[in-house]
Amino acid sequence: MKSVITILFLLSLLLFASAIWNILSLKRPGFYPPKQVLKKRASSLAGGGALFLILSILLSSI
């Protein structure tokens, strides 16, 4: 059970890091995906990261 919680926590960190990467890509000039696509991608990655973080916290409290 502990390994599942660790994997979920690491997955949430990876999703948050990817969301930050997409947010920082908005500042770069000439980056290919349009800004609206990057904003949508960053928000969905951050939402997934929050979901996995909450799930790992709930499972660790059991």
C-alpha atoms as a PDB file:
ATOM      1  CA  MET A   1       0.000   0.000   0.000  1.00  0.00           C
ATOM      2  CA  LYS A   2       2.866   2.342   0.798  1.00  0.00           C
ATOM      3  CA  SER A   3       4.335   1.938  -2.694  1.00  0.00           C
ATOM      4  CA  VAL A   4       0.990   2.918  -4.262  1.00  0.00           C
ATOM      5  CA  ILE A   5       0.900   6.092  -2.183  1.00  0.00           C
ATOM      6  CA  THR A   6       4.479   6.902  -3.173  1.00  0.00           C
ATOM      7  CA  ILE A   7       3.696   6.395  -6.856  1.00  0.00           C
ATOM      8  CA  LEU A   8       0.603   8.619  -6.629  1.00  0.00           C
ATOM      9  CA  PHE A   9       2.572  11.329  -4.839  1.00  0.00           C
ATOM     10  CA  LEU A  10       5.378  11.224  -7.413  1.00  0.00           C
ATOM     11  CA  LEU A  11       2.833  11.323 -10.222  1.00  0.00           C
ATOM     12  CA  SER A  12       1.269  14.428  -8.711  1.00  0.00           C
ATOM     13  CA  LEU A  13       4.698  16.086  -8.500  1.00  0.00           C
ATOM     14  CA  LEU A  14       5.361  15.200 -12.136  1.00  0.00           C
ATOM     15  CA  LEU A  15       2.040  16.680 -13.219  1.00  0.00           C
ATOM     16  CA  PHE A  16       2.674  19.881 -11.243  1.00  0.00           C
ATOM     17  CA  ALA A  17       6.154  20.177 -12.788  1.00  0.00           C
ATOM     18  CA  SER A  18       4.667  19.744 -16.260  1.00  0.00           C
ATOM     19  CA  ALA A  19       2.061  22.412 -15.527  1.00  0.00           C
ATOM     20  CA  ILE A  20       4.790  24.825 -14.424  1.00  0.00           C
ATOM     21  CA  TRP A  21       6.775  24.022 -17.577  1.00  0.00           C
ATOM     22  CA  ASN A  22       3.759  24.896 -19.730  1.00  0.00           C
ATOM     23  CA  ILE A  23       3.148  28.123 -17.807  1.00  0.00           C
ATOM     24  CA  LEU A  24       6.773  29.137 -18.286  1.00  0.00           C
ATOM     25  CA  SER A  25       6.470  28.335 -22.000  1.00  0.00           C
ATOM     26  CA  LEU A  26       3.857  31.082 -22.267  1.00  0.00           C
ATOM     27  CA  LYS A  27       6.570  33.676 -21.613  1.00  0.00           C
ATOM     28  CA  ARG A  28       8.829  32.478 -24.433  1.00  0.00           C
ATOM     29  CA  PRO A  29       8.461  34.197 -27.787  1.00  0.00           C
ATOM     30  CA  GLY A  30       7.926  32.036 -30.844  1.00  0.00           C
ATOM     31  CA  PHE A  31       6.884  28.906 -28.990  1.00  0.00           C
ATOM     32  CA  TYR A  32       4.803  26.704 -31.318  1.00  0.00           C
ATOM     33  CA  PRO A  33       1.598  25.758 -29.523  1.00  0.00           C
ATOM     34  CA  PRO A  34      -0.769  28.709 -29.280  1.00  0.00           C
ATOM     35  CA  LYS A  35      -1.093  30.329 -25.891  1.00  0.00           C
ATOM     36  CA  GLN A  36      -4.668  29.140 -25.443  1.00  0.00           C
ATOM     37  CA  VAL A  37      -3.543  25.540 -25.933  1.00  0.00           C
ATOM     38  CA  LEU A  38      -0.739  25.980 -23.394  1.00  0.00           C
ATOM     39  CA  LYS A  39      -3.122  27.528 -20.839  1.00  0.00           C
ATOM     40  CA  LYS A  40      -5.621  24.699 -21.291  1.00  0.00           C
ATOM     41  CA  ARG A  41      -2.869  22.077 -21.029  1.00  0.00           C
ATOM     42  CA  ALA A  42      -1.386  23.692 -17.906  1.00  0.00           C
ATOM     43  CA  SER A  43      -4.751  23.880 -16.164  1.00  0.00           C
ATOM     44  CA  SER A  44      -5.581  20.243 -16.916  1.00  0.00           C
ATOM     45  CA  LEU A  45      -2.143  19.096 -15.728  1.00  0.00           C
ATOM     46  CA  ALA A  46      -2.475  21.105 -12.519  1.00  0.00           C
ATOM     47  CA  GLY A  47      -5.967  19.696 -11.951  1.00  0.00           C
ATOM     48  CA  GLY A  48      -4.690  16.170 -12.401  1.00  0.00           C
ATOM     49  CA  GLY A  49      -1.808  16.876 -10.048  1.00  0.00           C
ATOM     50  CA  ALA A  50      -4.181  18.191  -7.406  1.00  0.00           C
ATOM     51  CA  LEU A  51      -6.425  15.154  -7.808  1.00  0.00           C
ATOM     52  CA  PHE A  52      -3.546  12.701  -7.366  1.00  0.00           C
ATOM     53  CA  LEU A  53      -2.182  14.694  -4.425  1.00  0.00           C
ATOM     54  CA  ILE A  54      -5.529  14.628  -2.626  1.00  0.00           C
ATOM     55  CA  LEU A  55      -5.901  10.927  -3.385  1.00  0.00           C
ATOM     56  CA  SER A  56      -2.435  10.133  -2.017  1.00  0.00           C
ATOM     57  CA  ILE A  57      -3.123  12.162   1.145  1.00  0.00           C
ATOM     58  CA  LEU A  58      -6.430  10.378   1.684  1.00  0.00           C
ATOM     59  CA  LEU A  59      -4.852   6.962   1.190  1.00  0.00           C
ATOM     60  CA  SER A  60      -1.963   7.752   3.530  1.00  0.00           C
ATOM     61  CA  SER A  61      -4.354   8.731   6.320  1.00  0.00           C
ATOM     62  CA  ILE A  62      -6.080   5.345   6.234  1.00  0.00           C
END
